[in-house]
Amino acid sequence: QKVKKIAVLDTTALITGETGVGKSVFAELLHHNSMRKGGKFVAVNCGSLTETLLESLLFGHKRGAFTDAHRDKIGYFQEANGGTLFLDEITETTLAFQVKLLKVLESGKFRAVGSDSDLSSDVRIIAATNKDLKKMVKEGSFREDLYYRLNVITLYIPPLRERRDDIKILTNAFVKEFCAKYKKAELKVSPGVLSLLLNYPWNG
């Protein structure tokens, strides 16, 4: 219900929650329930890339900008134009990169690596993190101005142990799915097994 309410608000959103709660799933839900659903949903995991590679992927690069740049390449900002760009693990970016990202959020303009002219893109940014951003801002490891730019709308995804009523629903759905997939007769989950699932901490 909250996703449906905030999806139509065409502004930056920040999704928070532990690793494994499905932040990327909710980012796609926001996109598919928004006015931008006809555009592309492009996701990038900031934590798995170096600053140089992340900049090249997001902003694109010109031929000859670096050793392996044999041709011009458009970045994710251009690819997602009219759609949604999902920046997962946003807290893993460097302070230097955060400055460049802030500029795009403020002006809608960016510069491809090796280029001498600006490009513009109309994208909705959805960022996600499993860390305490306020704490990182206080410690100086995340820019305060970027934090406020991203934190226009916040969607906290609680882990299963904080929404145990969902466990039985999910369990029944998965059992039904796997019965159909493996052509099994309808199986039931015993009370003992369900009790184990309901009391499991579900870390990750």
C-alpha atoms as a PDB file:
ATOM      1  CA  GLN A   1       0.000   0.000   0.000  1.00  0.00           C
ATOM      2  CA  LYS A   2       2.856   2.373   0.824  1.00  0.00           C
ATOM      3  CA  VAL A   3       4.604   1.523  -2.467  1.00  0.00           C
ATOM      4  CA  LYS A   4       1.456   2.419  -4.430  1.00  0.00           C
ATOM      5  CA  LYS A   5       1.202   5.746  -2.593  1.00  0.00           C
ATOM      6  CA  ILE A   6       4.800   6.842  -3.121  1.00  0.00           C
ATOM      7  CA  ALA A   7       5.352   5.323  -6.579  1.00  0.00           C
ATOM      8  CA  VAL A   8       3.288   8.064  -8.235  1.00  0.00           C
ATOM      9  CA  LEU A   9       5.311  10.810  -6.541  1.00  0.00           C
ATOM     10  CA  ASP A  10       7.954  11.415  -9.182  1.00  0.00           C
ATOM     11  CA  THR A  11      10.810  12.184  -6.827  1.00  0.00           C
ATOM     12  CA  THR A  12      13.967  10.600  -5.438  1.00  0.00           C
ATOM     13  CA  ALA A  13      13.413   7.724  -3.025  1.00  0.00           C
ATOM     14  CA  LEU A  14      15.643   5.969  -0.503  1.00  0.00           C
ATOM     15  CA  ILE A  15      15.042   2.325   0.405  1.00  0.00           C
ATOM     16  CA  THR A  16      16.568   1.063   3.646  1.00  0.00           C
ATOM     17  CA  GLY A  17      16.693  -2.321   5.331  1.00  0.00           C
ATOM     18  CA  GLU A  18      18.956  -5.261   6.108  1.00  0.00           C
ATOM     19  CA  THR A  19      20.724  -7.296   3.456  1.00  0.00           C
ATOM     20  CA  GLY A  20      18.301  -9.773   1.905  1.00  0.00           C
ATOM     21  CA  VAL A  21      14.997  -8.023   2.653  1.00  0.00           C
ATOM     22  CA  GLY A  22      14.350  -7.409  -1.045  1.00  0.00           C
ATOM     23  CA  LYS A  23      15.226  -3.735  -1.555  1.00  0.00           C
ATOM     24  CA  SER A  24      15.780  -4.280  -5.291  1.00  0.00           C
ATOM     25  CA  VAL A  25      12.367  -5.977  -5.576  1.00  0.00           C
ATOM     26  CA  PHE A  26      10.711  -2.932  -3.999  1.00  0.00           C
ATOM     27  CA  ALA A  27      12.685  -0.584  -6.262  1.00  0.00           C
ATOM     28  CA  GLU A  28      11.207  -2.392  -9.292  1.00  0.00           C
ATOM     29  CA  LEU A  29       7.743  -2.238  -7.711  1.00  0.00           C
ATOM     30  CA  LEU A  30       8.104   1.531  -7.349  1.00  0.00           C
ATOM     31  CA  HIS A  31       9.088   1.800 -11.018  1.00  0.00           C
ATOM     32  CA  HIS A  32       6.286  -0.424 -12.342  1.00  0.00           C
ATOM     33  CA  ASN A  33       3.673   1.498 -10.337  1.00  0.00           C
ATOM     34  CA  SER A  34       4.968   4.925 -11.380  1.00  0.00           C
ATOM     35  CA  MET A  35       4.336   7.263 -14.290  1.00  0.00           C
ATOM     36  CA  ARG A  36       7.691   6.088 -15.662  1.00  0.00           C
ATOM     37  CA  LYS A  37       6.674   2.436 -16.040  1.00  0.00           C
ATOM     38  CA  GLY A  38       6.890   2.769 -19.832  1.00  0.00           C
ATOM     39  CA  GLY A  39      10.572   3.677 -19.511  1.00  0.00           C
ATOM     40  CA  LYS A  40      13.525   1.494 -18.571  1.00  0.00           C
ATOM     41  CA  PHE A  41      14.401   0.289 -15.081  1.00  0.00           C
ATOM     42  CA  VAL A  42      18.198   0.201 -14.845  1.00  0.00           C
ATOM     43  CA  ALA A  43      19.918  -1.172 -11.725  1.00  0.00           C
ATOM     44  CA  VAL A  44      23.560  -0.845 -10.697  1.00  0.00           C
ATOM     45  CA  ASN A  45      25.288  -2.213  -7.609  1.00  0.00           C
ATOM     46  CA  CYS A  46      27.640   0.560  -6.475  1.00  0.00           C
ATOM     47  CA  GLY A  47      29.394  -1.721  -3.987  1.00  0.00           C
ATOM     48  CA  SER A  48      30.780  -4.079  -6.626  1.00  0.00           C
ATOM     49  CA  LEU A  49      32.489  -1.420  -8.775  1.00  0.00           C
ATOM     50  CA  THR A  50      35.533   0.821  -8.508  1.00  0.00           C
ATOM     51  CA  GLU A  51      34.935   4.578  -8.600  1.00  0.00           C
ATOM     52  CA  THR A  52      36.364   4.847 -12.147  1.00  0.00           C
ATOM     53  CA  LEU A  53      34.254   2.005 -13.524  1.00  0.00           C
ATOM     54  CA  LEU A  54      31.115   3.257 -11.751  1.00  0.00           C
ATOM     55  CA  GLU A  55      31.585   6.726 -13.247  1.00  0.00           C
ATOM     56  CA  SER A  56      32.052   5.247 -16.730  1.00  0.00           C
ATOM     57  CA  LEU A  57      28.979   3.006 -16.393  1.00  0.00           C
ATOM     58  CA  LEU A  58      26.709   5.761 -15.109  1.00  0.00           C
ATOM     59  CA  PHE A  59      27.887   8.701 -17.217  1.00  0.00           C
ATOM     60  CA  GLY A  60      29.291   6.897 -20.259  1.00  0.00           C
ATOM     61  CA  HIS A  61      32.651   7.578 -21.877  1.00  0.00           C
ATOM     62  CA  LYS A  62      34.190   8.865 -25.082  1.00  0.00           C
ATOM     63  CA  ARG A  63      36.490   6.835 -27.288  1.00  0.00           C
ATOM     64  CA  GLY A  64      40.086   7.115 -26.052  1.00  0.00           C
ATOM     65  CA  ALA A  65      39.071   8.351 -22.569  1.00  0.00           C
ATOM     66  CA  PHE A  66      41.100   5.481 -21.074  1.00  0.00           C
ATOM     67  CA  THR A  67      43.062   2.441 -22.239  1.00  0.00           C
ATOM     68  CA  ASP A  68      40.157   0.113 -23.056  1.00  0.00           C
ATOM     69  CA  ALA A  69      37.798   2.804 -24.375  1.00  0.00           C
ATOM     70  CA  HIS A  70      37.796   1.740 -28.039  1.00  0.00           C
ATOM     71  CA  ARG A  71      34.445   3.386 -28.800  1.00  0.00           C
ATOM     72  CA  ASP A  72      31.942   5.859 -27.408  1.00  0.00           C
ATOM     73  CA  LYS A  73      29.587   4.292 -24.874  1.00  0.00           C
ATOM     74  CA  ILE A  74      26.432   5.753 -23.387  1.00  0.00           C
ATOM     75  CA  GLY A  75      25.961   5.463 -19.633  1.00  0.00           C
ATOM     76  CA  TYR A  76      23.090   4.276 -17.488  1.00  0.00           C
ATOM     77  CA  PHE A  77      21.812   7.839 -17.011  1.00  0.00           C
ATOM     78  CA  GLN A  78      21.170   8.067 -20.756  1.00  0.00           C
ATOM     79  CA  GLU A  79      19.925   4.476 -20.972  1.00  0.00           C
ATOM     80  CA  ALA A  80      17.394   5.091 -18.205  1.00  0.00           C
ATOM     81  CA  ASN A  81      16.210   8.412 -19.661  1.00  0.00           C
ATOM     82  CA  GLY A  82      12.467   8.663 -19.047  1.00  0.00           C
ATOM     83  CA  GLY A  83      12.651   5.747 -16.611  1.00  0.00           C
ATOM     84  CA  THR A  84      14.212   4.815 -13.282  1.00  0.00           C
ATOM     85  CA  LEU A  85      17.835   4.393 -12.222  1.00  0.00           C
ATOM     86  CA  PHE A  86      18.313   2.205  -9.132  1.00  0.00           C
ATOM     87  CA  LEU A  87      21.561   2.761  -7.209  1.00  0.00           C
ATOM     88  CA  ASP A  88      22.011  -0.148  -4.817  1.00  0.00           C
ATOM     89  CA  GLU A  89      24.555   0.046  -1.961  1.00  0.00           C
ATOM     90  CA  ILE A  90      24.851   3.808  -2.430  1.00  0.00           C
ATOM     91  CA  THR A  91      26.900   4.058   0.790  1.00  0.00           C
ATOM     92  CA  GLU A  92      29.795   2.182  -0.863  1.00  0.00           C
ATOM     93  CA  THR A  93      30.601   5.170  -3.110  1.00  0.00           C
ATOM     94  CA  THR A  94      33.525   7.521  -2.425  1.00  0.00           C
ATOM     95  CA  LEU A  95      33.091  11.118  -1.294  1.00  0.00           C
ATOM     96  CA  ALA A  96      34.589  12.258  -4.619  1.00  0.00           C
ATOM     97  CA  PHE A  97      31.985  10.312  -6.573  1.00  0.00           C
ATOM     98  CA  GLN A  98      29.204  11.579  -4.305  1.00  0.00           C
ATOM     99  CA  VAL A  99      30.019  15.138  -5.415  1.00  0.00           C
ATOM    100  CA  LYS A 100      29.500  14.164  -9.065  1.00  0.00           C
ATOM    101  CA  LEU A 101      26.257  12.368  -8.284  1.00  0.00           C
ATOM    102  CA  LEU A 102      24.995  15.359  -6.322  1.00  0.00           C
ATOM    103  CA  LYS A 103      25.592  17.605  -9.335  1.00  0.00           C
ATOM    104  CA  VAL A 104      23.431  15.350 -11.535  1.00  0.00           C
ATOM    105  CA  LEU A 105      20.643  15.306  -8.942  1.00  0.00           C
ATOM    106  CA  GLU A 106      20.717  19.102  -8.684  1.00  0.00           C
ATOM    107  CA  SER A 107      20.949  19.971 -12.370  1.00  0.00           C
ATOM    108  CA  GLY A 108      19.980  16.857 -14.335  1.00  0.00           C
ATOM    109  CA  LYS A 109      23.259  17.287 -16.221  1.00  0.00           C
ATOM    110  CA  PHE A 110      26.393  15.145 -16.324  1.00  0.00           C
ATOM    111  CA  ARG A 111      29.519  14.725 -18.375  1.00  0.00           C
ATOM    112  CA  ALA A 112      30.726  11.507 -19.974  1.00  0.00           C
ATOM    113  CA  VAL A 113      34.283  10.494 -19.095  1.00  0.00           C
ATOM    114  CA  GLY A 114      36.631  12.138 -21.615  1.00  0.00           C
ATOM    115  CA  SER A 115      33.989  14.549 -22.917  1.00  0.00           C
ATOM    116  CA  ASP A 116      34.110  18.359 -22.856  1.00  0.00           C
ATOM    117  CA  SER A 117      30.356  18.939 -23.022  1.00  0.00           C
ATOM    118  CA  ASP A 118      27.409  18.233 -20.742  1.00  0.00           C
ATOM    119  CA  LEU A 119      24.520  15.864 -21.380  1.00  0.00           C
ATOM    120  CA  SER A 120      21.148  15.853 -19.676  1.00  0.00           C
ATOM    121  CA  SER A 121      18.847  13.054 -18.585  1.00  0.00           C
ATOM    122  CA  ASP A 122      15.394  12.843 -17.043  1.00  0.00           C
ATOM    123  CA  VAL A 123      15.505   9.896 -14.640  1.00  0.00           C
ATOM    124  CA  ARG A 124      14.020   9.053 -11.273  1.00  0.00           C
ATOM    125  CA  ILE A 125      16.714   8.001  -8.821  1.00  0.00           C
ATOM    126  CA  ILE A 126      15.995   5.285  -6.285  1.00  0.00           C
ATOM    127  CA  ALA A 127      18.878   4.534  -3.923  1.00  0.00           C
ATOM    128  CA  ALA A 128      19.215   1.737  -1.380  1.00  0.00           C
ATOM    129  CA  THR A 129      21.407   0.928   1.588  1.00  0.00           C
ATOM    130  CA  ASN A 130      21.628  -1.520   4.465  1.00  0.00           C
ATOM    131  CA  LYS A 131      23.645   0.960   6.566  1.00  0.00           C
ATOM    132  CA  ASP A 132      22.764   3.796   8.943  1.00  0.00           C
ATOM    133  CA  LEU A 133      23.104   6.837   6.680  1.00  0.00           C
ATOM    134  CA  LYS A 134      22.581   9.383   9.461  1.00  0.00           C
ATOM    135  CA  LYS A 135      25.467   7.832  11.382  1.00  0.00           C
ATOM    136  CA  MET A 136      27.673   7.885   8.274  1.00  0.00           C
ATOM    137  CA  VAL A 137      26.876  11.567   7.736  1.00  0.00           C
ATOM    138  CA  LYS A 138      27.915  12.337  11.337  1.00  0.00           C
ATOM    139  CA  GLU A 139      31.132  10.359  10.858  1.00  0.00           C
ATOM    140  CA  GLY A 140      31.881  12.230   7.627  1.00  0.00           C
ATOM    141  CA  SER A 141      31.880   9.148   5.381  1.00  0.00           C
ATOM    142  CA  PHE A 142      28.748  10.231   3.480  1.00  0.00           C
ATOM    143  CA  ARG A 143      27.938  13.732   2.250  1.00  0.00           C
ATOM    144  CA  GLU A 144      25.146  15.453   4.178  1.00  0.00           C
ATOM    145  CA  ASP A 145      23.884  17.380   1.133  1.00  0.00           C
ATOM    146  CA  LEU A 146      23.613  14.164  -0.909  1.00  0.00           C
ATOM    147  CA  TYR A 147      21.835  12.455   1.991  1.00  0.00           C
ATOM    148  CA  TYR A 148      19.101  15.115   1.964  1.00  0.00           C
ATOM    149  CA  ARG A 149      18.847  14.925  -1.838  1.00  0.00           C
ATOM    150  CA  LEU A 150      18.276  11.168  -1.699  1.00  0.00           C
ATOM    151  CA  ASN A 151      16.138  11.080   1.432  1.00  0.00           C
ATOM    152  CA  VAL A 152      13.078  12.831  -0.038  1.00  0.00           C
ATOM    153  CA  ILE A 153      10.941   9.721   0.454  1.00  0.00           C
ATOM    154  CA  THR A 154      12.098   6.817   2.624  1.00  0.00           C
ATOM    155  CA  LEU A 155      10.825   3.267   2.395  1.00  0.00           C
ATOM    156  CA  TYR A 156      11.999   0.990   5.211  1.00  0.00           C
ATOM    157  CA  ILE A 157      11.713  -2.726   4.463  1.00  0.00           C
ATOM    158  CA  PRO A 158      11.538  -4.694   7.728  1.00  0.00           C
ATOM    159  CA  PRO A 159      13.072  -8.193   7.986  1.00  0.00           C
ATOM    160  CA  LEU A 160      10.762 -11.207   8.287  1.00  0.00           C
ATOM    161  CA  ARG A 161      11.271 -11.430  12.052  1.00  0.00           C
ATOM    162  CA  GLU A 162       9.523  -8.028  12.312  1.00  0.00           C
ATOM    163  CA  ARG A 163       6.567  -9.163  10.187  1.00  0.00           C
ATOM    164  CA  ARG A 164       6.051 -12.773  11.218  1.00  0.00           C
ATOM    165  CA  ASP A 165       2.448 -12.823   9.959  1.00  0.00           C
ATOM    166  CA  ASP A 166       3.916 -12.902   6.435  1.00  0.00           C
ATOM    167  CA  ILE A 167       5.921 -16.090   7.055  1.00  0.00           C
ATOM    168  CA  LYS A 168       2.933 -18.448   6.828  1.00  0.00           C
ATOM    169  CA  ILE A 169       1.647 -16.683   3.695  1.00  0.00           C
ATOM    170  CA  LEU A 170       5.066 -16.867   2.023  1.00  0.00           C
ATOM    171  CA  THR A 171       5.594 -20.495   3.063  1.00  0.00           C
ATOM    172  CA  ASN A 172       2.260 -21.576   1.565  1.00  0.00           C
ATOM    173  CA  ALA A 173       2.964 -19.624  -1.626  1.00  0.00           C
ATOM    174  CA  PHE A 174       6.404 -21.229  -2.082  1.00  0.00           C
ATOM    175  CA  VAL A 175       5.096 -24.739  -1.353  1.00  0.00           C
ATOM    176  CA  LYS A 176       2.347 -24.238  -3.940  1.00  0.00           C
ATOM    177  CA  GLU A 177       4.857 -22.904  -6.468  1.00  0.00           C
ATOM    178  CA  PHE A 178       7.271 -25.815  -6.018  1.00  0.00           C
ATOM    179  CA  CYS A 179       4.480 -28.406  -6.128  1.00  0.00           C
ATOM    180  CA  ALA A 180       3.506 -27.060  -9.552  1.00  0.00           C
ATOM    181  CA  LYS A 181       7.123 -26.795 -10.719  1.00  0.00           C
ATOM    182  CA  TYR A 182       8.077 -30.362  -9.733  1.00  0.00           C
ATOM    183  CA  LYS A 183       4.633 -31.849 -10.470  1.00  0.00           C
ATOM    184  CA  LYS A 184       4.083 -32.956  -6.890  1.00  0.00           C
ATOM    185  CA  ALA A 185       0.782 -33.638  -5.193  1.00  0.00           C
ATOM    186  CA  GLU A 186      -0.332 -30.818  -2.911  1.00  0.00           C
ATOM    187  CA  LEU A 187       1.961 -30.831   0.123  1.00  0.00           C
ATOM    188  CA  LYS A 188       1.235 -29.455   3.574  1.00  0.00           C
ATOM    189  CA  VAL A 189       3.671 -27.913   6.039  1.00  0.00           C
ATOM    190  CA  SER A 190       3.432 -29.609   9.429  1.00  0.00           C
ATOM    191  CA  PRO A 191       2.735 -27.501  12.556  1.00  0.00           C
ATOM    192  CA  GLY A 192       6.212 -28.348  13.887  1.00  0.00           C
ATOM    193  CA  VAL A 193       7.984 -27.111  10.756  1.00  0.00           C
ATOM    194  CA  LEU A 194       5.815 -23.986  10.634  1.00  0.00           C
ATOM    195  CA  SER A 195       6.713 -23.283  14.263  1.00  0.00           C
ATOM    196  CA  LEU A 196      10.425 -23.505  13.370  1.00  0.00           C
ATOM    197  CA  LEU A 197       9.940 -21.090  10.472  1.00  0.00           C
ATOM    198  CA  LEU A 198       7.941 -18.629  12.579  1.00  0.00           C
ATOM    199  CA  ASN A 199      10.620 -18.541  15.276  1.00  0.00           C
ATOM    200  CA  TYR A 200      13.663 -18.412  12.962  1.00  0.00           C
ATOM    201  CA  PRO A 201      15.623 -15.090  13.067  1.00  0.00           C
ATOM    202  CA  TRP A 202      15.900 -14.858   9.237  1.00  0.00           C
ATOM    203  CA  ASN A 203      19.228 -13.073   9.127  1.00  0.00           C
ATOM    204  CA  GLY A 204      20.145 -12.240   5.521  1.00  0.00           C
END
